[in-house]
Protein backbone atom coordinates (compact mmCIF):
# COMPACT_ATOMS: atom_id res chain seq x y z
CA MET A 1 23.65 -11.47 -5.28
CA THR A 2 25.20 -8.02 -5.27
CA GLU A 3 25.19 -5.68 -2.30
CA SER A 4 22.81 -3.22 -3.98
CA ASN A 5 20.44 -6.09 -4.80
CA LYS A 6 20.44 -7.17 -1.13
CA THR A 7 19.77 -3.60 -0.10
CA ALA A 8 16.86 -3.24 -2.51
CA ARG A 9 15.29 -6.53 -1.44
CA GLY A 10 15.84 -5.68 2.22
CA LEU A 11 14.11 -2.35 1.67
CA GLY A 12 11.29 -4.22 -0.06
CA LEU A 13 10.95 -6.51 2.94
CA PHE A 14 10.83 -3.47 5.22
CA PHE A 15 8.05 -1.87 3.13
CA LEU A 16 6.15 -5.16 3.03
CA LEU A 17 6.32 -5.63 6.81
CA ALA A 18 5.52 -1.97 7.54
CA GLY A 19 2.57 -2.03 5.13
CA THR A 20 1.27 -5.27 6.65
CA ALA A 21 1.49 -3.80 10.16
CA MET A 22 -0.31 -0.65 9.06
CA ALA A 23 -2.96 -2.67 7.26
CA TYR A 24 -3.56 -4.76 10.36
CA LEU A 25 -3.84 -1.74 12.66
CA SER A 26 -5.77 0.58 10.35
CA ILE A 27 -7.89 -1.76 8.21
CA TYR A 28 -8.32 -5.20 9.76
CA SER A 29 -8.68 -4.14 13.42
CA PRO A 30 -11.37 -1.46 12.82
CA ILE A 31 -13.38 -3.88 10.65
CA MET A 32 -13.19 -6.53 13.38
CA GLU A 33 -14.30 -3.92 15.94
CA ALA A 34 -17.26 -3.11 13.73
CA LEU A 35 -18.13 -6.80 13.40
CA ARG A 36 -18.09 -7.13 17.21
CA GLY A 37 -20.50 -4.18 17.41
CA GLU A 38 -18.24 -1.78 19.29
CA SER A 39 -19.86 1.55 20.05
CA TYR A 40 -16.99 3.53 18.47
CA VAL A 41 -14.58 2.58 15.69
CA SER A 42 -11.63 4.77 14.74
CA TYR A 43 -9.05 4.45 11.98
CA SER A 44 -6.47 6.58 10.24
CA GLU A 45 -7.40 7.59 6.71
CA LYS A 46 -3.76 8.22 5.93
CA ALA A 47 -2.73 4.75 7.08
CA VAL A 48 -5.59 3.17 5.11
CA CYS A 49 -4.21 4.85 1.97
CA ILE A 50 -0.51 4.19 2.66
CA ALA A 51 -0.73 0.55 3.79
CA PRO A 52 -1.68 -1.08 0.47
CA VAL A 53 0.72 1.14 -1.48
CA SER A 54 3.53 0.18 0.89
CA ILE A 55 2.68 -3.53 0.47
CA LEU A 56 2.74 -3.20 -3.34
CA LEU A 57 6.03 -1.28 -3.30
CA GLY A 58 7.54 -3.88 -0.98
CA LEU A 59 6.48 -6.77 -3.20
CA TYR A 60 7.80 -4.95 -6.27
CA LEU A 61 11.22 -4.36 -4.67
CA ILE A 62 11.44 -7.93 -3.43
CA VAL A 63 10.65 -9.38 -6.85
CA VAL A 64 12.66 -6.99 -9.02
CA GLY A 65 15.54 -6.12 -6.68
CA ASP A 66 18.08 -3.48 -7.64
CA LYS A 67 16.74 -3.23 -11.20
CA ALA A 68 13.54 -1.70 -9.80
CA PHE A 69 14.18 1.84 -10.98
CA SER A 70 16.91 1.50 -13.60
CA PHE A 71 15.02 1.57 -16.86
CA GLN A 72 16.94 1.71 -20.11
CA LEU A 73 14.13 3.40 -22.01
CA SER A 74 13.58 6.60 -23.89
CA PRO A 75 12.55 9.64 -21.83
CA ARG A 76 9.10 9.65 -23.40
CA ILE A 77 8.39 6.05 -22.35
CA LYS A 78 9.77 6.76 -18.87
CA ILE A 79 7.29 9.60 -18.44
CA VAL A 80 4.42 7.35 -19.51
CA LEU A 81 5.54 4.65 -17.05
CA ILE A 82 5.81 7.18 -14.23
CA ILE A 83 2.31 8.49 -14.96
CA LEU A 84 1.00 4.93 -15.11
CA ALA A 85 2.67 4.05 -11.78
CA ALA A 86 1.28 7.21 -10.18
CA ALA A 87 -2.22 6.36 -11.45
CA ILE A 88 -1.98 2.84 -10.00
CA VAL A 89 -0.83 4.25 -6.66
CA LEU A 90 -3.73 6.74 -6.58
CA ILE A 91 -6.27 4.09 -7.56
CA VAL A 92 -5.04 1.65 -4.89
CA ALA A 93 -4.80 4.33 -2.17
CA PHE A 94 -8.14 6.00 -2.72
CA GLY A 95 -9.83 2.70 -3.60
CA SER A 96 -8.84 1.27 -0.22
CA LEU A 97 -10.05 4.40 1.55
CA PHE A 98 -13.37 4.31 -0.30
CA ALA A 99 -13.76 0.58 0.49
CA MET A 100 -13.01 1.17 4.19
CA LYS A 101 -15.55 3.96 4.44
CA TYR A 102 -18.11 1.87 2.55
CA ILE A 103 -17.64 -1.14 4.79
CA LEU A 104 -17.92 0.90 7.98
CA MET A 105 -20.96 2.74 6.61
CA LYS A 106 -22.65 -0.61 5.94
CA PHE A 107 -22.08 -1.54 9.60
CA GLY A 108 -23.76 1.72 10.66
CA TYR A 109 -20.72 3.81 11.46
CA TYR A 110 -20.16 7.33 10.10
């Protein structure tokens, strides 16, 4: 395994662990507080959006390694892939935020 491959996979592990920690603190914990019937539940909307994206990026880097961003494709296909990746990131980020708000609303918060 090359040094750049180790670096990419290490960075992927960092993103995975950071995303998991954010997901625990900003998604799991507030939902558990709501289930316990706490009078007030708070969460960070930014962390709710960033956590799943960080987890996906971490998994991607761990699986692909240093070849993660070195595509040997035409510029037109690269643009399409970038737009597709951006769309996936937006869908995951705002989907998790919508789901979090929906879940807390069903428990009677907000």
